[in-house]
Amino acid sequence: MLRALIFFIFLCAAMPAFAGIAVKDVRIGLQEGGGTRFVLEMEQAADYNLFLLNNPPRAVIDLPGLDWSRELSPQGRGLVKGWRHGQFADGTRIVLDLSQPSKVASVQLIPTVDGNGRRLVVDLSGTTAQELDSLLSKSWGARKSQRDFDATAANIVPPSSDDQNADADSRQEMAAPPVERNISAAPPQARVIKAGIMLPPALPDRRRLMEMRPLVVIDAGHGGVDPGALAVTNMREKDLTLSVARRLAASLKDSGRYRVKLTRSRDVFIPLKERVRIARAANADLFISLHADSLSRSDDSIRGATVYTLSDRASDAEAEALAESENRADALAGLEQVGDNDLLANILIDMSHRATLNYGRDYSAMLVRSMRDFAIRLGDNPQRAAGFAVLKAPDIPSVLIEMGYLSNRNEARLLAQADHQDQLVGAILKATDAFFEKHPPQCQPLAVSQ
């Protein structure tokens, strides 16, 4: 019996750990008539589901978990001007950014030339905006039972691509009923306020005398399939924000004065509304979203940090353009955008939420002063406001920090340095101390279950 057990343990140790289906190659080729072929070569067959989105035009491919350990160059060609990939809860998602409205001419899963793998071959051709609208409810490939996003199970890796031609033996279009792609979220909890007057705090069980420390939620902007801005030094915004978020979390915890929660602690994609839901579900006392600004061109004359708060009217054209850009993050990951202007209007009209907005503006002013104290370069008009989707929690003071310009070569190099990141963290910690000294959590309305 003992020998059998020892043999079983040895056998298990010798067995390789389970890995996803390995990606062998990715190719994009041009076809006669202006079409484009996208080829994903894998070590074995995999179920897939392909569908189209518009505004902007995109093709989205969902597959089970794949092993993207092989680094490939992210290049586009023809109708595919660029692409990226990231693993969702139940599989990997590939998003093809299309240069114009396009349709799926054919999809096929065929053996590789050597017979040791499978190729997913997607042929795209140009079409009209009207025809694309008629194809948005259609999908191609194996039907999946549900594709609701689960942020805790996501695991994103850097994008990749190859710019070579691919051949296939035959074409066969495979249609399937539409797949549900809604992102579900539990209804948020609400703050208890009557006639604009804050009620005395009733302490929930989880916040007893020994656990009265304010809860700060740190949001590392972008992530996973959404890389954010690319610095002139090739540093990605999603990597910078995660690095600073981890440093800030450690600093707040080490102070002993705060509890801390990260919306993401690794390279994952999280929808904007999910970031807000995470903060509200945790009953956060402060929400800090970290980003890095960028211009469409390299410009060493524009630099400096800026702090943004929520407003239905942008403080200036630059703030409005930035908010529109940041609010498109979900679209970059292949999610359909849903308007929430009514939500923003309701937030700003409701007297009970104006105190939250005022708290956010107060923290913004404290943070700008703290950054000056830490000799951090600030941009022109460093306190601004716009309709950022990630700041729309009606019951949590929230700010979005653009830590600097990645389009400025010198500032991009500075932001990559650990010493400068620690300087930013020090300024945020000082402002956070000042904020909660003025606005202790027990003086703010606490969330209770409805």
Protein backbone atom coordinates (compact mmCIF):
# COMPACT_ATOMS: atom_id res chain seq x y z
CA MET A 1 0.00 0.00 0.00
CA LEU A 2 2.81 2.39 0.95
CA ARG A 3 4.71 1.58 -2.23
CA ALA A 4 1.59 2.25 -4.29
CA LEU A 5 1.11 5.61 -2.59
CA ILE A 6 4.75 6.59 -3.17
CA PHE A 7 4.46 5.57 -6.83
CA PHE A 8 1.26 7.62 -7.21
CA ILE A 9 2.92 10.72 -5.72
CA PHE A 10 5.95 10.27 -7.97
CA LEU A 11 3.70 9.87 -11.01
CA CYS A 12 1.74 13.04 -10.20
CA ALA A 13 4.95 15.00 -9.72
CA ALA A 14 6.28 13.80 -13.04
CA MET A 15 3.12 14.77 -14.93
CA PRO A 16 3.26 18.19 -16.58
CA ALA A 17 0.97 20.86 -15.21
CA PHE A 18 -2.11 21.59 -17.28
CA ALA A 19 -1.60 24.43 -19.71
CA GLY A 20 -3.92 26.12 -22.13
CA ILE A 21 -3.90 25.51 -25.85
CA ALA A 22 -0.62 26.92 -27.16
CA VAL A 23 -0.67 29.59 -29.86
CA LYS A 24 1.91 28.76 -32.50
CA ASP A 25 1.59 31.74 -34.81
CA VAL A 26 -0.59 34.67 -35.90
CA ARG A 27 -0.65 35.97 -39.46
CA ILE A 28 -2.51 38.66 -41.37
CA GLY A 29 -2.62 38.55 -45.17
CA LEU A 30 -4.13 40.56 -48.00
CA GLN A 31 -6.55 39.02 -50.49
CA GLU A 32 -7.69 39.91 -53.97
CA GLY A 33 -10.53 42.38 -54.05
CA GLY A 34 -9.37 44.24 -50.94
CA GLY A 35 -10.15 41.51 -48.42
CA THR A 36 -8.02 40.59 -45.40
CA ARG A 37 -7.33 37.19 -43.85
CA PHE A 38 -6.60 36.75 -40.12
CA VAL A 39 -5.07 33.40 -39.16
CA LEU A 40 -4.61 32.08 -35.62
CA GLU A 41 -2.50 28.91 -35.57
CA MET A 42 -2.90 26.68 -32.49
CA GLU A 43 -1.54 23.36 -31.35
CA GLN A 44 -5.05 21.84 -31.36
CA ALA A 45 -8.66 22.63 -32.18
CA ALA A 46 -10.63 25.02 -29.95
CA ASP A 47 -14.24 26.17 -29.82
CA TYR A 48 -14.68 29.78 -30.86
CA ASN A 49 -17.28 32.47 -31.26
CA LEU A 50 -16.91 35.47 -33.55
CA PHE A 51 -19.11 38.56 -33.70
CA LEU A 52 -18.97 42.12 -35.02
CA LEU A 53 -19.29 45.47 -33.26
CA ASN A 54 -19.60 49.01 -34.57
CA ASN A 55 -18.64 52.54 -33.49
CA PRO A 56 -15.81 51.86 -34.04
CA PRO A 57 -15.95 48.78 -36.29
CA ARG A 58 -14.40 45.70 -34.66
CA ALA A 59 -14.40 41.93 -35.00
CA VAL A 60 -14.27 40.01 -31.71
CA ILE A 61 -13.20 36.36 -31.35
CA ASP A 62 -13.80 34.49 -28.08
CA LEU A 63 -11.99 31.17 -27.45
CA PRO A 64 -11.22 28.94 -24.46
CA GLY A 65 -8.01 29.64 -22.55
CA LEU A 66 -4.94 29.76 -24.76
CA ASP A 67 -1.25 29.84 -23.88
CA TRP A 68 0.17 33.11 -25.21
CA SER A 69 3.67 32.54 -23.86
CA ARG A 70 5.11 33.12 -27.32
CA GLU A 71 5.80 36.81 -28.00
CA LEU A 72 4.52 38.06 -31.35
CA SER A 73 4.72 41.55 -32.87
CA PRO A 74 1.38 43.46 -32.68
CA GLN A 75 1.00 44.69 -36.26
CA GLY A 76 -2.01 45.24 -38.49
CA ARG A 77 -2.58 44.94 -42.20
CA GLY A 78 -5.32 45.71 -44.67
CA LEU A 79 -8.75 45.91 -43.03
CA VAL A 80 -7.19 44.95 -39.67
CA LYS A 81 -5.42 48.14 -38.61
CA GLY A 82 -4.49 46.66 -35.25
CA TRP A 83 -5.43 43.96 -32.73
CA ARG A 84 -4.95 42.77 -29.16
CA HIS A 85 -5.98 39.87 -26.96
CA GLY A 86 -6.83 39.12 -23.34
CA GLN A 87 -8.23 36.22 -21.36
CA PHE A 88 -11.72 36.63 -19.94
CA ALA A 89 -13.33 34.44 -17.27
CA ASP A 90 -14.25 31.62 -19.63
CA GLY A 91 -11.73 32.12 -22.39
CA THR A 92 -9.48 34.38 -24.40
CA ARG A 93 -10.83 37.36 -26.31
CA ILE A 94 -9.18 38.72 -29.45
CA VAL A 95 -10.25 42.15 -30.68
CA LEU A 96 -9.52 43.16 -34.28
CA ASP A 97 -9.72 46.92 -34.87
CA LEU A 98 -11.04 47.42 -38.39
CA SER A 99 -10.09 50.31 -40.66
CA GLN A 100 -13.63 50.46 -42.10
CA PRO A 101 -17.01 48.70 -41.75
CA SER A 102 -16.37 45.05 -42.64
CA LYS A 103 -18.21 41.75 -42.80
CA VAL A 104 -17.19 38.14 -42.26
CA ALA A 105 -16.77 36.49 -45.65
CA SER A 106 -15.94 33.11 -44.10
CA VAL A 107 -14.65 31.41 -40.96
CA GLN A 108 -13.03 28.00 -40.88
CA LEU A 109 -11.04 25.78 -38.53
CA ILE A 110 -8.67 23.63 -40.58
CA PRO A 111 -5.58 21.43 -39.98
CA THR A 112 -2.15 23.01 -40.30
CA VAL A 113 0.06 22.01 -43.20
CA ASP A 114 2.05 19.59 -41.03
CA GLY A 115 -1.15 18.18 -39.53
CA ASN A 116 0.06 18.84 -35.97
CA GLY A 117 -2.24 21.73 -35.18
CA ARG A 118 -5.27 23.74 -36.23
CA ARG A 119 -5.71 27.11 -37.88
CA LEU A 120 -8.64 29.44 -37.29
CA VAL A 121 -8.97 31.36 -40.55
CA VAL A 122 -11.16 34.47 -40.66
CA ASP A 123 -11.72 36.21 -43.99
CA LEU A 124 -12.98 39.81 -43.83
CA SER A 125 -14.21 42.04 -46.63
CA GLY A 126 -15.32 45.66 -46.70
CA THR A 127 -19.00 46.53 -46.50
CA THR A 128 -21.34 49.45 -45.86
CA ALA A 129 -22.25 50.83 -42.46
CA GLN A 130 -25.86 49.79 -43.09
CA GLU A 131 -24.93 46.15 -43.79
CA LEU A 132 -22.67 46.06 -40.77
CA ASP A 133 -25.56 47.20 -38.58
CA SER A 134 -27.61 44.26 -39.86
CA LEU A 135 -24.81 41.82 -38.92
CA LEU A 136 -24.34 42.97 -35.32
CA SER A 137 -26.78 40.40 -33.96
CA LYS A 138 -25.11 37.51 -35.78
CA SER A 139 -22.26 35.30 -34.58
CA TRP A 140 -20.11 32.60 -36.15
CA GLY A 141 -18.71 29.51 -34.47
CA ALA A 142 -19.43 27.31 -31.47
CA ARG A 143 -22.20 28.55 -29.21
CA LYS A 144 -21.29 29.27 -25.57
CA SER A 145 -23.79 29.11 -22.72
CA GLN A 146 -22.85 32.45 -21.18
CA ARG A 147 -20.09 35.03 -21.42
CA ASP A 148 -20.68 37.25 -18.43
CA PHE A 149 -17.49 38.94 -17.32
CA ASP A 150 -15.92 37.92 -14.02
CA ALA A 151 -13.10 40.30 -13.09
CA THR A 152 -11.70 38.00 -10.44
CA ALA A 153 -11.11 35.21 -12.93
CA ALA A 154 -9.60 37.32 -15.71
CA ASN A 155 -5.94 37.00 -16.63
CA ILE A 156 -4.61 39.19 -19.43
CA VAL A 157 -1.29 38.99 -21.22
CA PRO A 158 0.34 41.51 -23.60
CA PRO A 159 -1.01 41.73 -27.18
CA SER A 160 0.73 40.08 -30.10
CA SER A 161 0.56 39.71 -33.89
CA ASP A 162 2.46 38.78 -37.06
CA ASP A 163 2.35 40.43 -40.47
CA GLN A 164 2.65 37.50 -42.88
CA ASN A 165 0.37 35.89 -45.46
CA ALA A 166 -1.53 32.68 -44.76
CA ASP A 167 -3.08 30.07 -47.07
CA ALA A 168 -6.09 27.80 -46.57
CA ASP A 169 -7.56 24.98 -48.64
CA SER A 170 -11.26 25.76 -48.50
CA ARG A 171 -13.81 28.18 -47.06
CA GLN A 172 -16.91 27.34 -45.08
CA GLU A 173 -19.05 29.87 -43.23
CA MET A 174 -20.41 28.55 -39.94
CA ALA A 175 -23.30 30.44 -38.36
CA ALA A 176 -24.64 30.12 -34.82
CA PRO A 177 -27.32 31.87 -32.77
CA PRO A 178 -26.25 35.08 -31.08
CA VAL A 179 -24.38 34.69 -27.83
CA GLU A 180 -25.35 36.69 -24.76
CA ARG A 181 -22.63 39.25 -24.07
CA ASN A 182 -24.12 41.31 -21.28
CA ILE A 183 -22.02 42.15 -18.25
CA SER A 184 -24.00 41.48 -15.12
CA ALA A 185 -23.43 43.30 -11.89
CA ALA A 186 -25.12 43.11 -8.55
CA PRO A 187 -27.22 46.19 -7.71
CA PRO A 188 -25.06 48.69 -5.83
CA GLN A 189 -25.63 49.64 -2.28
CA ALA A 190 -26.81 53.17 -1.49
CA ARG A 191 -25.95 55.83 1.00
CA VAL A 192 -28.68 56.76 3.46
CA ILE A 193 -29.46 60.46 3.25
CA LYS A 194 -32.76 62.29 3.81
CA ALA A 195 -33.51 65.78 2.51
CA GLY A 196 -29.82 66.35 1.86
CA ILE A 197 -28.97 65.85 5.54
CA MET A 198 -26.44 63.18 6.48
CA LEU A 199 -27.74 60.76 9.09
CA PRO A 200 -25.64 59.87 12.15
CA PRO A 201 -23.46 56.87 11.30
CA ALA A 202 -24.82 53.48 12.28
CA LEU A 203 -21.78 51.25 12.46
CA PRO A 204 -22.11 47.97 10.55
CA ASP A 205 -20.70 44.88 12.25
CA ARG A 206 -17.70 44.82 9.92
CA ARG A 207 -16.66 48.33 10.92
CA ARG A 208 -16.27 48.09 14.68
CA LEU A 209 -14.09 50.30 16.82
CA MET A 210 -10.97 48.36 15.84
CA GLU A 211 -11.83 48.68 12.13
CA MET A 212 -12.70 52.35 11.75
CA ARG A 213 -9.85 53.11 9.37
CA PRO A 214 -10.97 54.70 6.09
CA LEU A 215 -11.12 52.38 3.07
CA VAL A 216 -9.29 53.71 0.01
CA VAL A 217 -9.93 52.00 -3.35
CA ILE A 218 -7.06 52.42 -5.83
CA ASP A 219 -7.90 51.99 -9.49
CA ALA A 220 -4.98 51.25 -11.84
CA GLY A 221 -6.26 52.57 -15.16
CA HIS A 222 -6.57 50.37 -18.26
CA GLY A 223 -5.17 46.82 -18.18
CA GLY A 224 -5.13 43.58 -20.12
CA VAL A 225 -6.55 43.90 -23.60
CA ASP A 226 -6.69 47.69 -23.09
CA PRO A 227 -3.05 48.88 -22.88
CA GLY A 228 -3.90 52.58 -22.62
CA ALA A 229 -1.44 55.08 -24.03
CA LEU A 230 1.96 54.04 -25.38
CA ALA A 231 4.84 56.25 -24.28
CA VAL A 232 7.45 57.47 -26.73
CA THR A 233 9.78 55.22 -24.69
CA ASN A 234 7.47 52.23 -25.45
CA MET A 235 6.25 52.02 -21.84
CA ARG A 236 2.56 51.13 -21.66
CA GLU A 237 0.17 53.16 -19.55
CA LYS A 238 -1.40 50.03 -18.03
CA ASP A 239 2.01 48.93 -16.68
CA LEU A 240 2.77 52.35 -15.21
CA THR A 241 -0.59 52.68 -13.46
CA LEU A 242 -0.32 49.20 -11.95
CA SER A 243 3.19 49.89 -10.68
CA VAL A 244 2.14 53.13 -8.95
CA ALA A 245 -1.07 51.53 -7.63
CA ARG A 246 0.91 48.75 -5.94
CA ARG A 247 3.33 51.27 -4.40
CA LEU A 248 0.47 53.46 -3.22
CA ALA A 249 -1.38 50.50 -1.71
CA ALA A 250 1.73 49.45 0.20
CA SER A 251 2.35 52.98 1.46
CA LEU A 252 -1.23 53.46 2.67
CA LYS A 253 -1.22 50.08 4.42
CA ASP A 254 2.21 50.66 6.01
CA SER A 255 0.96 53.93 7.50
CA GLY A 256 -1.45 51.90 9.62
CA ARG A 257 -4.16 54.50 9.02
CA TYR A 258 -6.00 52.98 6.07
CA ARG A 259 -7.55 49.90 4.63
CA VAL A 260 -6.84 49.48 0.93
CA LYS A 261 -8.45 47.69 -2.00
CA LEU A 262 -7.20 47.52 -5.59
CA THR A 263 -9.65 47.26 -8.48
CA ARG A 264 -6.96 45.19 -10.20
CA SER A 265 -3.72 43.81 -8.77
CA ARG A 266 -2.42 42.31 -12.02
CA ASP A 267 -2.64 42.83 -15.77
CA VAL A 268 -6.37 42.26 -16.26
CA PHE A 269 -9.12 44.07 -18.13
CA ILE A 270 -11.95 45.40 -15.97
CA PRO A 271 -14.90 47.37 -17.45
CA LEU A 272 -15.35 50.92 -16.23
CA LYS A 273 -18.67 50.27 -14.50
CA GLU A 274 -17.18 47.20 -12.80
CA ARG A 275 -14.47 49.40 -11.29
CA VAL A 276 -17.14 51.66 -9.81
CA ARG A 277 -19.14 48.64 -8.61
CA ILE A 278 -16.08 47.22 -6.84
CA ALA A 279 -15.63 50.47 -4.91
CA ARG A 280 -19.30 50.75 -3.96
CA ALA A 281 -19.61 47.11 -2.95
CA ALA A 282 -16.65 47.61 -0.61
CA ASN A 283 -18.19 50.78 0.91
CA ALA A 284 -15.12 52.80 -0.06
CA ASP A 285 -14.47 56.16 1.58
CA LEU A 286 -12.25 57.40 -1.25
CA PHE A 287 -11.69 56.32 -4.87
CA ILE A 288 -8.41 57.17 -6.66
CA SER A 289 -8.02 56.30 -10.36
CA LEU A 290 -4.48 56.43 -11.76
CA HIS A 291 -3.71 57.29 -15.39
CA ALA A 292 -1.07 58.93 -17.57
CA ASP A 293 -1.97 61.49 -20.22
CA SER A 294 -0.77 61.45 -23.82
CA LEU A 295 -1.06 63.53 -26.95
CA SER A 296 -1.53 62.03 -30.39
CA ARG A 297 2.00 63.15 -31.22
CA SER A 298 5.32 63.31 -29.41
CA ASP A 299 5.61 66.74 -27.77
CA ASP A 300 8.32 67.63 -25.25
CA SER A 301 6.81 71.04 -24.52
CA ILE A 302 3.65 69.77 -22.78
CA ARG A 303 4.02 68.00 -19.46
CA GLY A 304 2.79 67.88 -15.87
CA ALA A 305 0.25 66.13 -13.64
CA THR A 306 -3.46 66.96 -13.51
CA VAL A 307 -6.24 65.95 -11.09
CA TYR A 308 -9.78 65.48 -12.44
CA THR A 309 -13.15 65.31 -10.69
CA LEU A 310 -16.62 64.53 -12.03
CA SER A 311 -18.76 67.13 -13.80
CA ASP A 312 -21.50 67.07 -16.43
CA ARG A 313 -19.78 70.00 -18.11
CA ALA A 314 -16.08 69.72 -18.81
CA SER A 315 -13.93 72.49 -17.41
CA ASP A 316 -12.29 72.91 -20.83
CA ALA A 317 -12.01 71.29 -24.25
CA GLU A 318 -8.92 69.30 -23.30
CA ALA A 319 -10.67 67.78 -20.27
CA GLU A 320 -13.68 66.89 -22.41
CA ALA A 321 -11.52 65.20 -25.05
CA LEU A 322 -9.63 63.24 -22.41
CA ALA A 323 -12.85 62.04 -20.75
CA GLU A 324 -14.20 60.88 -24.11
CA SER A 325 -10.97 58.99 -24.75
CA GLU A 326 -10.91 57.31 -21.31
CA ASN A 327 -14.60 56.41 -21.55
CA ARG A 328 -13.89 54.41 -24.72
CA ALA A 329 -11.83 51.86 -22.76
CA ASP A 330 -14.65 49.31 -22.75
CA ALA A 331 -15.03 49.56 -26.52
CA LEU A 332 -11.34 48.76 -26.94
CA ALA A 333 -11.97 45.45 -25.16
CA GLY A 334 -14.83 44.50 -27.47
CA LEU A 335 -17.67 45.52 -25.17
CA GLU A 336 -20.69 47.39 -26.41
CA GLN A 337 -20.93 50.88 -24.98
CA VAL A 338 -24.10 51.81 -23.13
CA GLY A 339 -24.96 55.45 -22.62
CA ASP A 340 -25.31 56.64 -19.05
CA ASN A 341 -25.93 60.36 -19.46
CA ASP A 342 -29.17 60.03 -17.52
CA LEU A 343 -27.25 58.49 -14.61
CA LEU A 344 -24.81 61.39 -14.58
CA ALA A 345 -27.64 63.91 -14.70
CA ASN A 346 -29.43 62.21 -11.82
CA ILE A 347 -26.23 62.16 -9.78
CA LEU A 348 -25.67 65.88 -10.23
CA ILE A 349 -29.31 66.86 -9.67
CA ASP A 350 -29.73 64.87 -6.47
CA MET A 351 -28.92 67.17 -3.55
CA SER A 352 -27.82 64.20 -1.49
CA HIS A 353 -24.92 63.54 -3.87
CA ARG A 354 -23.62 67.08 -4.11
CA ALA A 355 -21.74 66.62 -0.85
CA THR A 356 -19.87 63.69 -2.45
CA LEU A 357 -18.89 65.85 -5.42
CA ASN A 358 -17.75 68.60 -3.10
CA TYR A 359 -15.63 66.10 -1.14
CA GLY A 360 -14.00 65.04 -4.41
CA ARG A 361 -13.20 68.65 -5.34
CA ASP A 362 -11.82 69.25 -1.86
CA TYR A 363 -9.53 66.23 -2.12
CA SER A 364 -8.46 67.38 -5.59
CA ALA A 365 -7.36 70.76 -4.20
CA MET A 366 -5.48 69.08 -1.34
CA LEU A 367 -3.73 66.74 -3.78
CA VAL A 368 -2.60 69.57 -6.06
CA ARG A 369 -1.15 71.43 -3.05
CA SER A 370 0.57 68.25 -1.88
CA MET A 371 2.09 67.65 -5.31
CA ARG A 372 3.54 71.16 -5.25
CA ASP A 373 5.01 70.42 -1.81
CA PHE A 374 6.68 67.31 -3.26
CA ALA A 375 8.06 69.32 -6.21
CA ILE A 376 6.00 67.34 -8.73
CA ARG A 377 5.58 69.19 -12.03
CA LEU A 378 1.94 70.18 -12.59
CA GLY A 379 0.23 70.89 -15.88
CA ASP A 380 -1.52 74.11 -16.80
CA ASN A 381 -4.76 74.38 -14.81
CA PRO A 382 -4.02 71.25 -12.74
CA GLN A 383 -7.56 71.02 -11.27
CA ARG A 384 -10.07 70.07 -13.94
CA ALA A 385 -13.42 68.31 -14.29
CA ALA A 386 -15.25 66.22 -16.92
CA GLY A 387 -17.69 63.33 -17.25
CA PHE A 388 -15.33 60.41 -16.57
CA ALA A 389 -17.34 57.18 -16.32
CA VAL A 390 -15.01 55.76 -13.66
CA LEU A 391 -15.78 58.67 -11.30
CA LYS A 392 -19.57 58.21 -11.30
CA ALA A 393 -20.02 56.55 -7.91
CA PRO A 394 -22.65 58.86 -6.39
CA ASP A 395 -21.63 58.09 -2.82
CA ILE A 396 -17.80 57.99 -2.91
CA PRO A 397 -15.48 61.01 -3.26
CA SER A 398 -13.53 60.22 -6.43
CA VAL A 399 -10.62 61.67 -8.39
CA LEU A 400 -8.73 60.68 -11.52
CA ILE A 401 -5.02 61.50 -11.52
CA GLU A 402 -3.19 61.97 -14.81
CA MET A 403 0.35 61.54 -13.47
CA GLY A 404 2.06 63.13 -16.47
CA TYR A 405 2.37 63.02 -20.26
CA LEU A 406 3.67 59.85 -21.87
CA SER A 407 3.98 61.79 -25.13
CA ASN A 408 6.74 63.85 -23.48
CA ARG A 409 9.99 61.92 -23.74
CA ASN A 410 11.56 63.33 -20.57
CA GLU A 411 8.41 62.92 -18.49
CA ALA A 412 7.85 59.37 -19.75
CA ARG A 413 11.35 58.45 -18.58
CA LEU A 414 10.72 60.17 -15.25
CA LEU A 415 7.43 58.32 -14.70
CA ALA A 416 9.22 55.01 -15.22
CA GLN A 417 11.64 55.70 -12.37
CA ALA A 418 10.91 54.17 -8.96
CA ASP A 419 12.04 57.32 -7.13
CA HIS A 420 9.54 59.49 -8.99
CA GLN A 421 6.75 56.97 -8.48
CA ASP A 422 7.52 57.03 -4.75
CA GLN A 423 7.38 60.83 -4.88
CA LEU A 424 3.89 60.65 -6.40
CA VAL A 425 2.85 58.15 -3.74
CA GLY A 426 4.17 60.43 -1.00
CA ALA A 427 2.12 63.35 -2.32
CA ILE A 428 -1.05 61.23 -2.51
CA LEU A 429 -0.52 59.90 1.02
CA LYS A 430 -0.08 63.41 2.41
CA ALA A 431 -3.24 64.65 0.67
CA THR A 432 -5.16 61.59 1.88
CA ASP A 433 -4.12 62.29 5.47
CA ALA A 434 -5.28 65.89 5.15
CA PHE A 435 -8.56 64.86 3.58
CA PHE A 436 -9.58 62.37 6.26
CA GLU A 437 -8.43 64.71 9.00
CA LYS A 438 -10.97 67.19 7.64
CA HIS A 439 -13.60 64.63 6.58
CA PRO A 440 -13.41 61.59 8.90
CA PRO A 441 -15.39 58.60 7.60
CA GLN A 442 -17.83 58.65 10.52
CA CYS A 443 -18.89 62.16 9.45
CA GLN A 444 -19.89 60.82 6.05
CA PRO A 445 -23.00 58.73 5.40
CA LEU A 446 -22.17 55.02 5.58
CA ALA A 447 -23.63 52.47 3.21
CA VAL A 448 -26.27 50.06 4.46
CA SER A 449 -28.01 47.22 2.67
CA GLN A 450 -31.30 48.06 1.02
